[in-house]
Amino acid sequence: MRRLLWLGIGLVALVAVGAWWLWQEQEQQRETAIRGSGIVEATEVDVAFEVPGTIVARFVDEGAAVDKGEPIAQLDEREFRLQVERAQAAKAAAEARYALLTRGARGQEVDQALAALESAEAELQMRQRDFARVEELFRQGIAAQAEWERVRTARDAAQAARDAARARLEMLKEGFRTEEIEEGRARLREAEKALAIAELNLARCRLFAPIAGRVLSKNREVGESVLPGTPVVTMGDLRRPWVNVYVSEQDLGRVRLGMRALVYVDAYPQRAFEGRVTYVADKSEFTPKNIQTRNERVKLVYRVKIEVDNPDGVLKPGMPADAVIPLDHEHRQEPS
């Protein structure tokens, strides 16, 4: 019986010693490092065309490493080339018109206008004679009314043509008015802008990588029609991913910008990824649902951002991660 009593006492003592040792270990760990858990995150960019069209080529696949400015995809550009050609023709016409307005008429153009006026006057005289002859016959009841209306219409048209030819000749002799020149200049500027827009839209038929990184996903296939802003691929800048961890108020005072950190992920359990603290929140927040902190009794926590070195790109967005921020003697909490 006494042996059982001593055995029980020994077991209790052993449990007490084990509990004390575990408490000491936890205290030592708490004093030498701050720990937290989070998710690997990275800058993600949806890469999209700025013009609508049909994808005719895609030059990258998922997981591909891409340099900034490297081609990603190509749209069918035939319609955009036609728009450029139309804009070029409109600009050429506007340039010719503006040149005429600013330099005035050449002698050859005046001669041509004078010849056109003489021809129009001769035509009008002939039509007037025809009208006078038919009108006399119409009064005598010999010519039909339809014939009379026909020659009258021909006379009126010839008179209008003569007036237009005379006005053109006068305009060429006197030169163009200031408001006409300003209008020509404005039309030329509009034509130049339209051409620049058409050329820009043609250039936008090819999609280029806005950043250096990896293709995380391909969202559209060759042959699909896309609208402006529709993501074709999603890229991630994996060179400097980060992990957000959340610390209690009692640990907040021991975290400083620039402090070294070590990050571990399940995919590489034996590897420690070097990192640095780049942000410490000024305001507390409630613990995110997907994050577990060491002190469950503390409901308000502070976000700490740790940027991680990822030279070979093995860290991917979404990986669960554990972070350790080692404390030197200057940042350790003094015992009370």
C-alpha atoms as a PDB file:
ATOM      1  CA  MET A   1       0.000   0.000   0.000  1.00  0.00           C
ATOM      2  CA  ARG A   2       2.813   2.391   0.954  1.00  0.00           C
ATOM      3  CA  ARG A   3       4.571   1.460  -2.277  1.00  0.00           C
ATOM      4  CA  LEU A   4       1.507   2.483  -4.271  1.00  0.00           C
ATOM      5  CA  LEU A   5       1.355   5.744  -2.343  1.00  0.00           C
ATOM      6  CA  TRP A   6       4.954   6.583  -3.138  1.00  0.00           C
ATOM      7  CA  LEU A   7       4.373   5.563  -6.733  1.00  0.00           C
ATOM      8  CA  GLY A   8       1.430   7.959  -6.969  1.00  0.00           C
ATOM      9  CA  ILE A   9       3.467  10.745  -5.409  1.00  0.00           C
ATOM     10  CA  GLY A  10       6.234  10.073  -7.928  1.00  0.00           C
ATOM     11  CA  LEU A  11       3.826  10.264 -10.847  1.00  0.00           C
ATOM     12  CA  VAL A  12       2.388  13.538  -9.603  1.00  0.00           C
ATOM     13  CA  ALA A  13       5.886  14.940  -9.203  1.00  0.00           C
ATOM     14  CA  LEU A  14       6.832  13.779 -12.679  1.00  0.00           C
ATOM     15  CA  VAL A  15       3.765  15.452 -14.193  1.00  0.00           C
ATOM     16  CA  ALA A  16       4.526  18.625 -12.275  1.00  0.00           C
ATOM     17  CA  VAL A  17       8.125  18.650 -13.452  1.00  0.00           C
ATOM     18  CA  GLY A  18       6.999  18.059 -17.051  1.00  0.00           C
ATOM     19  CA  ALA A  19       4.464  20.858 -16.866  1.00  0.00           C
ATOM     20  CA  TRP A  20       7.068  23.200 -15.375  1.00  0.00           C
ATOM     21  CA  TRP A  21       9.562  22.281 -18.102  1.00  0.00           C
ATOM     22  CA  LEU A  22       6.958  22.860 -20.838  1.00  0.00           C
ATOM     23  CA  TRP A  23       6.038  26.227 -19.297  1.00  0.00           C
ATOM     24  CA  GLN A  24       9.686  27.198 -19.150  1.00  0.00           C
ATOM     25  CA  GLU A  25      10.200  26.168 -22.771  1.00  0.00           C
ATOM     26  CA  GLN A  26       7.189  28.189 -23.875  1.00  0.00           C
ATOM     27  CA  GLU A  27       8.357  31.170 -21.873  1.00  0.00           C
ATOM     28  CA  GLN A  28      11.812  30.911 -23.384  1.00  0.00           C
ATOM     29  CA  GLN A  29      10.348  30.700 -26.876  1.00  0.00           C
ATOM     30  CA  ARG A  30       8.101  33.656 -26.144  1.00  0.00           C
ATOM     31  CA  GLU A  31      11.051  35.656 -24.969  1.00  0.00           C
ATOM     32  CA  THR A  32      13.299  34.788 -27.911  1.00  0.00           C
ATOM     33  CA  ALA A  33      10.865  35.044 -30.841  1.00  0.00           C
ATOM     34  CA  ILE A  34       7.455  36.200 -31.948  1.00  0.00           C
ATOM     35  CA  ARG A  35       5.492  33.669 -33.940  1.00  0.00           C
ATOM     36  CA  GLY A  36       2.522  33.961 -36.234  1.00  0.00           C
ATOM     37  CA  SER A  37       0.727  32.259 -39.072  1.00  0.00           C
ATOM     38  CA  GLY A  38      -0.635  33.584 -42.320  1.00  0.00           C
ATOM     39  CA  ILE A  39      -0.979  33.049 -46.038  1.00  0.00           C
ATOM     40  CA  VAL A  40       1.612  33.762 -48.719  1.00  0.00           C
ATOM     41  CA  GLU A  41       0.435  36.701 -50.820  1.00  0.00           C
ATOM     42  CA  ALA A  42       1.872  38.415 -53.881  1.00  0.00           C
ATOM     43  CA  THR A  43       1.090  41.296 -56.193  1.00  0.00           C
ATOM     44  CA  GLU A  44      -1.355  39.903 -58.755  1.00  0.00           C
ATOM     45  CA  VAL A  45      -2.185  41.684 -62.010  1.00  0.00           C
ATOM     46  CA  ASP A  46      -5.030  40.844 -64.381  1.00  0.00           C
ATOM     47  CA  VAL A  47      -3.651  41.452 -67.874  1.00  0.00           C
ATOM     48  CA  ALA A  48      -6.338  42.572 -70.332  1.00  0.00           C
ATOM     49  CA  PHE A  49      -6.717  44.173 -73.755  1.00  0.00           C
ATOM     50  CA  GLU A  50      -7.877  47.784 -73.994  1.00  0.00           C
ATOM     51  CA  VAL A  51      -9.805  47.184 -77.230  1.00  0.00           C
ATOM     52  CA  PRO A  52     -12.403  44.552 -78.165  1.00  0.00           C
ATOM     53  CA  GLY A  53     -11.613  41.740 -80.549  1.00  0.00           C
ATOM     54  CA  THR A  54     -10.953  38.063 -81.141  1.00  0.00           C
ATOM     55  CA  ILE A  55      -7.849  36.411 -79.726  1.00  0.00           C
ATOM     56  CA  VAL A  56      -5.781  34.873 -82.533  1.00  0.00           C
ATOM     57  CA  ALA A  57      -2.663  33.949 -80.530  1.00  0.00           C
ATOM     58  CA  ARG A  58      -1.485  33.523 -76.944  1.00  0.00           C
ATOM     59  CA  PHE A  59       2.246  33.357 -76.369  1.00  0.00           C
ATOM     60  CA  VAL A  60       2.469  32.200 -72.725  1.00  0.00           C
ATOM     61  CA  ASP A  61       1.142  29.315 -70.627  1.00  0.00           C
ATOM     62  CA  GLU A  62       0.466  28.891 -66.930  1.00  0.00           C
ATOM     63  CA  GLY A  63       3.600  28.862 -64.822  1.00  0.00           C
ATOM     64  CA  ALA A  64       5.719  30.601 -67.451  1.00  0.00           C
ATOM     65  CA  ALA A  65       8.247  33.169 -66.273  1.00  0.00           C
ATOM     66  CA  VAL A  66       7.646  36.407 -68.171  1.00  0.00           C
ATOM     67  CA  ASP A  67       9.726  39.564 -68.425  1.00  0.00           C
ATOM     68  CA  LYS A  68       8.152  43.003 -68.372  1.00  0.00           C
ATOM     69  CA  GLY A  69       7.174  43.996 -71.910  1.00  0.00           C
ATOM     70  CA  GLU A  70       7.100  40.428 -73.240  1.00  0.00           C
ATOM     71  CA  PRO A  71       4.184  39.630 -75.631  1.00  0.00           C
ATOM     72  CA  ILE A  72       1.246  37.870 -73.980  1.00  0.00           C
ATOM     73  CA  ALA A  73      -1.465  37.615 -76.650  1.00  0.00           C
ATOM     74  CA  GLN A  74      -2.627  38.984 -80.021  1.00  0.00           C
ATOM     75  CA  LEU A  75      -6.017  40.130 -81.341  1.00  0.00           C
ATOM     76  CA  ASP A  76      -7.241  39.988 -84.936  1.00  0.00           C
ATOM     77  CA  GLU A  77      -6.133  43.398 -86.207  1.00  0.00           C
ATOM     78  CA  ARG A  78      -7.659  43.527 -89.703  1.00  0.00           C
ATOM     79  CA  GLU A  79     -10.495  45.892 -88.776  1.00  0.00           C
ATOM     80  CA  PHE A  80      -8.087  48.145 -86.906  1.00  0.00           C
ATOM     81  CA  ARG A  81      -5.794  48.348 -89.950  1.00  0.00           C
ATOM     82  CA  LEU A  82      -8.741  49.475 -92.076  1.00  0.00           C
ATOM     83  CA  GLN A  83      -9.514  52.170 -89.512  1.00  0.00           C
ATOM     84  CA  VAL A  84      -5.937  53.411 -89.780  1.00  0.00           C
ATOM     85  CA  GLU A  85      -6.135  53.537 -93.579  1.00  0.00           C
ATOM     86  CA  ARG A  86      -9.409  55.491 -93.469  1.00  0.00           C
ATOM     87  CA  ALA A  87      -7.947  57.917 -90.949  1.00  0.00           C
ATOM     88  CA  GLN A  88      -4.851  58.403 -93.118  1.00  0.00           C
ATOM     89  CA  ALA A  89      -7.018  59.233 -96.132  1.00  0.00           C
ATOM     90  CA  ALA A  90      -9.102  61.707 -94.120  1.00  0.00           C
ATOM     91  CA  LYS A  91      -5.961  63.393 -92.831  1.00  0.00           C
ATOM     92  CA  ALA A  92      -4.534  63.706 -96.348  1.00  0.00           C
ATOM     93  CA  ALA A  93      -7.752  65.351 -97.547  1.00  0.00           C
ATOM     94  CA  ALA A  94      -7.756  67.758 -94.599  1.00  0.00           C
ATOM     95  CA  GLU A  95      -4.126  68.667 -95.276  1.00  0.00           C
ATOM     96  CA  ALA A  96      -4.869  69.419 -98.919  1.00  0.00           C
ATOM     97  CA  ARG A  97      -7.875  71.544 -98.013  1.00  0.00           C
ATOM     98  CA  TYR A  98      -5.946  73.497 -95.391  1.00  0.00           C
ATOM     99  CA  ALA A  99      -3.056  74.053 -97.795  1.00  0.00           C
ATOM    100  CA  LEU A 100      -5.465  75.530-100.336  1.00  0.00           C
ATOM    101  CA  LEU A 101      -7.022  77.801 -97.733  1.00  0.00           C
ATOM    102  CA  THR A 102      -3.712  79.144 -96.471  1.00  0.00           C
ATOM    103  CA  ARG A 103      -1.816  79.635 -99.726  1.00  0.00           C
ATOM    104  CA  GLY A 104      -4.731  80.919-101.833  1.00  0.00           C
ATOM    105  CA  ALA A 105      -5.610  79.915-105.354  1.00  0.00           C
ATOM    106  CA  ARG A 106      -3.010  79.354-108.046  1.00  0.00           C
ATOM    107  CA  GLY A 107      -3.265  81.009-111.453  1.00  0.00           C
ATOM    108  CA  GLN A 108      -4.141  77.715-113.072  1.00  0.00           C
ATOM    109  CA  GLU A 109      -7.098  77.267-110.710  1.00  0.00           C
ATOM    110  CA  VAL A 110      -8.355  80.788-111.520  1.00  0.00           C
ATOM    111  CA  ASP A 111      -8.098  80.077-115.257  1.00  0.00           C
ATOM    112  CA  GLN A 112     -10.039  76.858-114.812  1.00  0.00           C
ATOM    113  CA  ALA A 113     -12.741  78.651-112.829  1.00  0.00           C
ATOM    114  CA  LEU A 114     -12.991  81.356-115.514  1.00  0.00           C
ATOM    115  CA  ALA A 115     -13.371  78.734-118.227  1.00  0.00           C
ATOM    116  CA  ALA A 116     -16.050  76.987-116.175  1.00  0.00           C
ATOM    117  CA  LEU A 117     -17.950  80.275-115.816  1.00  0.00           C
ATOM    118  CA  GLU A 118     -17.816  80.966-119.557  1.00  0.00           C
ATOM    119  CA  SER A 119     -19.086  77.469-120.287  1.00  0.00           C
ATOM    120  CA  ALA A 120     -21.900  77.880-117.759  1.00  0.00           C
ATOM    121  CA  GLU A 121     -22.926  81.213-119.290  1.00  0.00           C
ATOM    122  CA  ALA A 122     -22.995  79.688-122.784  1.00  0.00           C
ATOM    123  CA  GLU A 123     -25.145  76.836-121.495  1.00  0.00           C
ATOM    124  CA  LEU A 124     -27.500  79.301-119.812  1.00  0.00           C
ATOM    125  CA  GLN A 125     -27.899  81.361-122.995  1.00  0.00           C
ATOM    126  CA  MET A 126     -28.796  78.227-124.958  1.00  0.00           C
ATOM    127  CA  ARG A 127     -31.332  77.156-122.326  1.00  0.00           C
ATOM    128  CA  GLN A 128     -32.866  80.643-122.290  1.00  0.00           C
ATOM    129  CA  ARG A 129     -33.353  80.555-126.069  1.00  0.00           C
ATOM    130  CA  ASP A 130     -34.966  77.106-125.849  1.00  0.00           C
ATOM    131  CA  PHE A 131     -37.298  78.323-123.122  1.00  0.00           C
ATOM    132  CA  ALA A 132     -38.295  81.436-125.073  1.00  0.00           C
ATOM    133  CA  ARG A 133     -39.089  79.366-128.198  1.00  0.00           C
ATOM    134  CA  VAL A 134     -41.129  76.714-126.333  1.00  0.00           C
ATOM    135  CA  GLU A 135     -42.949  79.334-124.260  1.00  0.00           C
ATOM    136  CA  GLU A 136     -44.153  81.066-127.461  1.00  0.00           C
ATOM    137  CA  LEU A 137     -45.363  77.728-128.866  1.00  0.00           C
ATOM    138  CA  PHE A 138     -47.061  76.949-125.532  1.00  0.00           C
ATOM    139  CA  ARG A 139     -48.982  80.252-125.697  1.00  0.00           C
ATOM    140  CA  GLN A 140     -50.127  79.356-129.216  1.00  0.00           C
ATOM    141  CA  GLY A 141     -51.305  76.000-127.949  1.00  0.00           C
ATOM    142  CA  ILE A 142     -48.831  74.090-130.052  1.00  0.00           C
ATOM    143  CA  ALA A 143     -46.404  72.926-127.329  1.00  0.00           C
ATOM    144  CA  ALA A 144     -47.571  70.775-124.415  1.00  0.00           C
ATOM    145  CA  GLN A 145     -47.280  71.952-120.826  1.00  0.00           C
ATOM    146  CA  ALA A 146     -44.906  69.079-120.011  1.00  0.00           C
ATOM    147  CA  GLU A 147     -42.479  70.310-122.658  1.00  0.00           C
ATOM    148  CA  TRP A 148     -42.746  73.844-121.333  1.00  0.00           C
ATOM    149  CA  GLU A 149     -41.970  72.636-117.766  1.00  0.00           C
ATOM    150  CA  ARG A 150     -38.994  70.609-119.033  1.00  0.00           C
ATOM    151  CA  VAL A 151     -37.282  73.528-120.740  1.00  0.00           C
ATOM    152  CA  ARG A 152     -38.043  75.830-117.806  1.00  0.00           C
ATOM    153  CA  THR A 153     -36.382  73.377-115.401  1.00  0.00           C
ATOM    154  CA  ALA A 154     -33.352  73.106-117.690  1.00  0.00           C
ATOM    155  CA  ARG A 155     -33.083  76.903-117.821  1.00  0.00           C
ATOM    156  CA  ASP A 156     -33.266  77.219-114.017  1.00  0.00           C
ATOM    157  CA  ALA A 157     -30.593  74.527-113.544  1.00  0.00           C
ATOM    158  CA  ALA A 158     -28.290  76.261-116.018  1.00  0.00           C
ATOM    159  CA  GLN A 159     -28.776  79.557-114.204  1.00  0.00           C
ATOM    160  CA  ALA A 160     -27.896  77.943-110.845  1.00  0.00           C
ATOM    161  CA  ALA A 161     -24.765  76.388-112.361  1.00  0.00           C
ATOM    162  CA  ARG A 162     -23.748  79.777-113.786  1.00  0.00           C
ATOM    163  CA  ASP A 163     -24.201  81.435-110.378  1.00  0.00           C
ATOM    164  CA  ALA A 164     -22.111  78.748-108.645  1.00  0.00           C
ATOM    165  CA  ALA A 165     -19.312  79.085-111.207  1.00  0.00           C
ATOM    166  CA  ARG A 166     -19.311  82.863-110.800  1.00  0.00           C
ATOM    167  CA  ALA A 167     -19.146  82.562-106.984  1.00  0.00           C
ATOM    168  CA  ARG A 168     -16.233  80.130-107.178  1.00  0.00           C
ATOM    169  CA  LEU A 169     -14.299  82.433-109.498  1.00  0.00           C
ATOM    170  CA  GLU A 170     -14.858  85.390-107.184  1.00  0.00           C
ATOM    171  CA  MET A 171     -13.747  83.339-104.173  1.00  0.00           C
ATOM    172  CA  LEU A 172     -10.548  82.256-105.905  1.00  0.00           C
ATOM    173  CA  LYS A 173      -9.769  85.826-106.903  1.00  0.00           C
ATOM    174  CA  GLU A 174     -10.484  87.356-103.494  1.00  0.00           C
ATOM    175  CA  GLY A 175      -9.051  84.568-101.305  1.00  0.00           C
ATOM    176  CA  PHE A 176     -10.616  82.754 -98.340  1.00  0.00           C
ATOM    177  CA  ARG A 177     -12.034  84.369 -95.233  1.00  0.00           C
ATOM    178  CA  THR A 178     -10.354  84.013 -91.830  1.00  0.00           C
ATOM    179  CA  GLU A 179     -13.164  81.868 -90.431  1.00  0.00           C
ATOM    180  CA  GLU A 180     -12.822  79.458 -93.352  1.00  0.00           C
ATOM    181  CA  ILE A 181      -9.087  79.104 -92.685  1.00  0.00           C
ATOM    182  CA  GLU A 182      -9.737  78.488 -88.973  1.00  0.00           C
ATOM    183  CA  GLU A 183     -12.315  75.866 -89.824  1.00  0.00           C
ATOM    184  CA  GLY A 184      -9.822  74.148 -92.120  1.00  0.00           C
ATOM    185  CA  ARG A 185      -7.187  74.171 -89.392  1.00  0.00           C
ATOM    186  CA  ALA A 186      -9.649  72.661 -86.896  1.00  0.00           C
ATOM    187  CA  ARG A 187     -10.639  69.922 -89.330  1.00  0.00           C
ATOM    188  CA  LEU A 188      -6.982  69.068 -89.888  1.00  0.00           C
ATOM    189  CA  ARG A 189      -6.378  68.787 -86.142  1.00  0.00           C
ATOM    190  CA  GLU A 190      -9.385  66.506 -85.752  1.00  0.00           C
ATOM    191  CA  ALA A 191      -8.114  64.321 -88.593  1.00  0.00           C
ATOM    192  CA  GLU A 192      -4.689  64.102 -86.942  1.00  0.00           C
ATOM    193  CA  LYS A 193      -6.267  63.089 -83.619  1.00  0.00           C
ATOM    194  CA  ALA A 194      -8.432  60.474 -85.313  1.00  0.00           C
ATOM    195  CA  LEU A 195      -5.364  58.980 -86.995  1.00  0.00           C
ATOM    196  CA  ALA A 196      -3.436  58.906 -83.704  1.00  0.00           C
ATOM    197  CA  ILE A 197      -6.332  57.099 -81.993  1.00  0.00           C
ATOM    198  CA  ALA A 198      -6.619  54.591 -84.846  1.00  0.00           C
ATOM    199  CA  GLU A 199      -2.880  53.861 -84.698  1.00  0.00           C
ATOM    200  CA  LEU A 200      -3.018  53.507 -80.904  1.00  0.00           C
ATOM    201  CA  ASN A 201      -5.911  51.041 -81.121  1.00  0.00           C
ATOM    202  CA  LEU A 202      -3.984  49.040 -83.717  1.00  0.00           C
ATOM    203  CA  ALA A 203      -0.996  48.863 -81.369  1.00  0.00           C
ATOM    204  CA  ARG A 204      -3.316  47.734 -78.559  1.00  0.00           C
ATOM    205  CA  CYS A 205      -4.128  44.584 -80.528  1.00  0.00           C
ATOM    206  CA  ARG A 206      -0.951  43.096 -79.037  1.00  0.00           C
ATOM    207  CA  LEU A 207      -0.907  42.547 -75.280  1.00  0.00           C
ATOM    208  CA  PHE A 208       2.335  42.897 -73.317  1.00  0.00           C
ATOM    209  CA  ALA A 209       3.290  41.924 -69.769  1.00  0.00           C
ATOM    210  CA  PRO A 210       2.988  44.968 -67.467  1.00  0.00           C
ATOM    211  CA  ILE A 211       5.319  43.423 -64.861  1.00  0.00           C
ATOM    212  CA  ALA A 212       7.992  40.769 -64.596  1.00  0.00           C
ATOM    213  CA  GLY A 213       6.597  37.649 -62.953  1.00  0.00           C
ATOM    214  CA  ARG A 214       4.885  34.342 -63.554  1.00  0.00           C
ATOM    215  CA  VAL A 215       1.623  33.487 -65.248  1.00  0.00           C
ATOM    216  CA  LEU A 216      -0.634  32.293 -62.438  1.00  0.00           C
ATOM    217  CA  SER A 217      -3.630  31.495 -64.648  1.00  0.00           C
ATOM    218  CA  LYS A 218      -4.793  31.771 -68.260  1.00  0.00           C
ATOM    219  CA  ASN A 219      -8.346  33.056 -68.380  1.00  0.00           C
ATOM    220  CA  ARG A 220      -9.163  33.150 -72.116  1.00  0.00           C
ATOM    221  CA  GLU A 221      -8.358  30.873 -75.036  1.00  0.00           C
ATOM    222  CA  VAL A 222      -7.484  31.500 -78.694  1.00  0.00           C
ATOM    223  CA  GLY A 223     -10.648  32.079 -80.712  1.00  0.00           C
ATOM    224  CA  GLU A 224     -12.580  33.741 -77.906  1.00  0.00           C
ATOM    225  CA  SER A 225     -13.925  37.259 -78.298  1.00  0.00           C
ATOM    226  CA  VAL A 226     -13.060  39.626 -75.470  1.00  0.00           C
ATOM    227  CA  LEU A 227     -14.171  43.048 -74.360  1.00  0.00           C
ATOM    228  CA  PRO A 228     -11.835  45.723 -73.026  1.00  0.00           C
ATOM    229  CA  GLY A 229     -10.790  44.877 -69.489  1.00  0.00           C
ATOM    230  CA  THR A 230     -11.503  41.143 -69.751  1.00  0.00           C
ATOM    231  CA  PRO A 231      -8.540  39.349 -68.090  1.00  0.00           C
ATOM    232  CA  VAL A 232      -6.649  37.175 -70.563  1.00  0.00           C
ATOM    233  CA  VAL A 233      -4.059  35.979 -68.031  1.00  0.00           C
ATOM    234  CA  THR A 234      -3.326  36.700 -64.376  1.00  0.00           C
ATOM    235  CA  MET A 235       0.293  37.386 -63.485  1.00  0.00           C
ATOM    236  CA  GLY A 236       1.989  37.425 -60.116  1.00  0.00           C
ATOM    237  CA  ASP A 237       5.150  39.191 -59.000  1.00  0.00           C
ATOM    238  CA  LEU A 238       6.726  36.331 -57.037  1.00  0.00           C
ATOM    239  CA  ARG A 239      10.059  38.019 -56.428  1.00  0.00           C
ATOM    240  CA  ARG A 240       8.873  39.681 -53.210  1.00  0.00           C
ATOM    241  CA  PRO A 241       5.823  37.914 -51.782  1.00  0.00           C
ATOM    242  CA  TRP A 242       4.678  38.654 -48.251  1.00  0.00           C
ATOM    243  CA  VAL A 243       2.941  37.108 -45.277  1.00  0.00           C
ATOM    244  CA  ASN A 244       0.631  39.008 -42.935  1.00  0.00           C
ATOM    245  CA  VAL A 245       0.794  37.816 -39.338  1.00  0.00           C
ATOM    246  CA  TYR A 246      -1.141  39.176 -36.371  1.00  0.00           C
ATOM    247  CA  VAL A 247       0.417  39.867 -32.995  1.00  0.00           C
ATOM    248  CA  SER A 248      -1.038  40.757 -29.629  1.00  0.00           C
ATOM    249  CA  GLU A 249      -0.641  44.156 -28.021  1.00  0.00           C
ATOM    250  CA  GLN A 250       1.920  42.786 -25.576  1.00  0.00           C
ATOM    251  CA  ASP A 251       4.104  41.647 -28.509  1.00  0.00           C
ATOM    252  CA  LEU A 252       3.524  44.766 -30.607  1.00  0.00           C
ATOM    253  CA  GLY A 253       6.071  46.835 -28.724  1.00  0.00           C
ATOM    254  CA  ARG A 254       8.802  44.334 -29.523  1.00  0.00           C
ATOM    255  CA  VAL A 255       8.297  44.413 -33.302  1.00  0.00           C
ATOM    256  CA  ARG A 256      10.257  46.941 -35.326  1.00  0.00           C
ATOM    257  CA  LEU A 257      10.417  47.771 -39.022  1.00  0.00           C
ATOM    258  CA  GLY A 258      13.328  46.050 -40.709  1.00  0.00           C
ATOM    259  CA  MET A 259      13.533  43.192 -38.213  1.00  0.00           C
ATOM    260  CA  ARG A 260      14.634  39.861 -39.634  1.00  0.00           C
ATOM    261  CA  ALA A 261      12.020  37.137 -39.987  1.00  0.00           C
ATOM    262  CA  LEU A 262      11.981  33.491 -41.006  1.00  0.00           C
ATOM    263  CA  VAL A 263       9.076  32.013 -42.932  1.00  0.00           C
ATOM    264  CA  TYR A 264       8.233  28.311 -43.243  1.00  0.00           C
ATOM    265  CA  VAL A 265       5.748  26.585 -45.559  1.00  0.00           C
ATOM    266  CA  ASP A 266       4.492  23.000 -45.541  1.00  0.00           C
ATOM    267  CA  ALA A 267       5.790  22.331 -49.054  1.00  0.00           C
ATOM    268  CA  TYR A 268       9.395  22.943 -47.894  1.00  0.00           C
ATOM    269  CA  PRO A 269       9.418  22.072 -44.178  1.00  0.00           C
ATOM    270  CA  GLN A 270      13.221  22.020 -43.891  1.00  0.00           C
ATOM    271  CA  ARG A 271      13.744  25.376 -45.548  1.00  0.00           C
ATOM    272  CA  ALA A 272      13.632  28.775 -43.866  1.00  0.00           C
ATOM    273  CA  PHE A 273      12.865  31.695 -46.173  1.00  0.00           C
ATOM    274  CA  GLU A 274      14.494  34.961 -45.174  1.00  0.00           C
ATOM    275  CA  GLY A 275      12.251  37.977 -44.736  1.00  0.00           C
ATOM    276  CA  ARG A 276      11.974  41.447 -43.248  1.00  0.00           C
ATOM    277  CA  VAL A 277       9.243  43.279 -41.350  1.00  0.00           C
ATOM    278  CA  THR A 278       8.060  46.030 -43.703  1.00  0.00           C
ATOM    279  CA  TYR A 279       4.852  47.179 -42.023  1.00  0.00           C
ATOM    280  CA  VAL A 280       3.456  47.338 -38.504  1.00  0.00           C
ATOM    281  CA  ALA A 281      -0.155  48.443 -38.104  1.00  0.00           C
ATOM    282  CA  ASP A 282      -0.950  51.460 -35.956  1.00  0.00           C
ATOM    283  CA  LYS A 283      -4.501  50.348 -35.231  1.00  0.00           C
ATOM    284  CA  SER A 284      -5.770  47.076 -33.864  1.00  0.00           C
ATOM    285  CA  GLU A 285      -8.346  44.870 -35.534  1.00  0.00           C
ATOM    286  CA  PHE A 286     -10.241  41.726 -34.721  1.00  0.00           C
ATOM    287  CA  THR A 287      -8.410  38.505 -35.448  1.00  0.00           C
ATOM    288  CA  PRO A 288      -9.168  37.362 -39.027  1.00  0.00           C
ATOM    289  CA  LYS A 289     -11.144  34.144 -39.154  1.00  0.00           C
ATOM    290  CA  ASN A 290      -8.489  32.321 -41.176  1.00  0.00           C
ATOM    291  CA  ILE A 291      -5.639  33.238 -38.786  1.00  0.00           C
ATOM    292  CA  GLN A 292      -4.818  31.585 -35.461  1.00  0.00           C
ATOM    293  CA  THR A 293      -2.750  33.512 -32.947  1.00  0.00           C
ATOM    294  CA  ARG A 294      -0.837  32.051 -30.001  1.00  0.00           C
ATOM    295  CA  ASN A 295      -2.867  33.906 -27.409  1.00  0.00           C
ATOM    296  CA  GLU A 296      -6.490  33.043 -28.077  1.00  0.00           C
ATOM    297  CA  ARG A 297      -7.665  35.238 -25.208  1.00  0.00           C
ATOM    298  CA  VAL A 298      -6.524  38.384 -27.067  1.00  0.00           C
ATOM    299  CA  LYS A 299      -9.257  39.376 -29.500  1.00  0.00           C
ATOM    300  CA  LEU A 300      -7.685  42.575 -30.799  1.00  0.00           C
ATOM    301  CA  VAL A 301      -4.467  42.106 -32.742  1.00  0.00           C
ATOM    302  CA  TYR A 302      -2.104  44.127 -34.931  1.00  0.00           C
ATOM    303  CA  ARG A 303      -1.132  43.257 -38.490  1.00  0.00           C
ATOM    304  CA  VAL A 304       2.555  42.810 -39.256  1.00  0.00           C
ATOM    305  CA  LYS A 305       3.643  42.448 -42.885  1.00  0.00           C
ATOM    306  CA  ILE A 306       6.721  40.358 -43.639  1.00  0.00           C
ATOM    307  CA  GLU A 307       8.222  40.541 -47.126  1.00  0.00           C
ATOM    308  CA  VAL A 308       9.963  37.299 -48.047  1.00  0.00           C
ATOM    309  CA  ASP A 309      12.884  36.554 -50.352  1.00  0.00           C
ATOM    310  CA  ASN A 310      11.771  34.170 -53.088  1.00  0.00           C
ATOM    311  CA  PRO A 311      14.673  34.019 -55.566  1.00  0.00           C
ATOM    312  CA  ASP A 312      13.623  30.748 -57.200  1.00  0.00           C
ATOM    313  CA  GLY A 313       9.895  31.513 -57.184  1.00  0.00           C
ATOM    314  CA  VAL A 314       8.847  28.461 -55.166  1.00  0.00           C
ATOM    315  CA  LEU A 315       6.587  30.435 -52.830  1.00  0.00           C
ATOM    316  CA  LYS A 316       3.142  30.718 -54.385  1.00  0.00           C
ATOM    317  CA  PRO A 317       0.126  32.825 -53.398  1.00  0.00           C
ATOM    318  CA  GLY A 318      -2.239  30.931 -51.111  1.00  0.00           C
ATOM    319  CA  MET A 319       0.366  28.756 -49.362  1.00  0.00           C
ATOM    320  CA  PRO A 320      -0.159  28.540 -45.570  1.00  0.00           C
ATOM    321  CA  ALA A 321       2.921  29.887 -43.822  1.00  0.00           C
ATOM    322  CA  ASP A 322       4.395  30.160 -40.333  1.00  0.00           C
ATOM    323  CA  ALA A 323       6.572  33.140 -39.502  1.00  0.00           C
ATOM    324  CA  VAL A 324       9.142  33.574 -36.748  1.00  0.00           C
ATOM    325  CA  ILE A 325      10.534  36.980 -35.803  1.00  0.00           C
ATOM    326  CA  PRO A 326      13.672  36.363 -33.691  1.00  0.00           C
ATOM    327  CA  LEU A 327      14.202  38.842 -30.856  1.00  0.00           C
ATOM    328  CA  ASP A 328      17.639  40.062 -29.869  1.00  0.00           C
ATOM    329  CA  HIS A 329      18.386  41.149 -26.297  1.00  0.00           C
ATOM    330  CA  GLU A 330      17.292  44.715 -27.009  1.00  0.00           C
ATOM    331  CA  HIS A 331      13.786  43.621 -27.990  1.00  0.00           C
ATOM    332  CA  ARG A 332      13.175  40.936 -25.385  1.00  0.00           C
ATOM    333  CA  GLN A 333      10.681  41.653 -22.656  1.00  0.00           C
ATOM    334  CA  GLU A 334      12.338  42.280 -19.295  1.00  0.00           C
ATOM    335  CA  PRO A 335      11.089  39.984 -16.511  1.00  0.00           C
ATOM    336  CA  SER A 336       8.907  41.687 -13.900  1.00  0.00           C
END
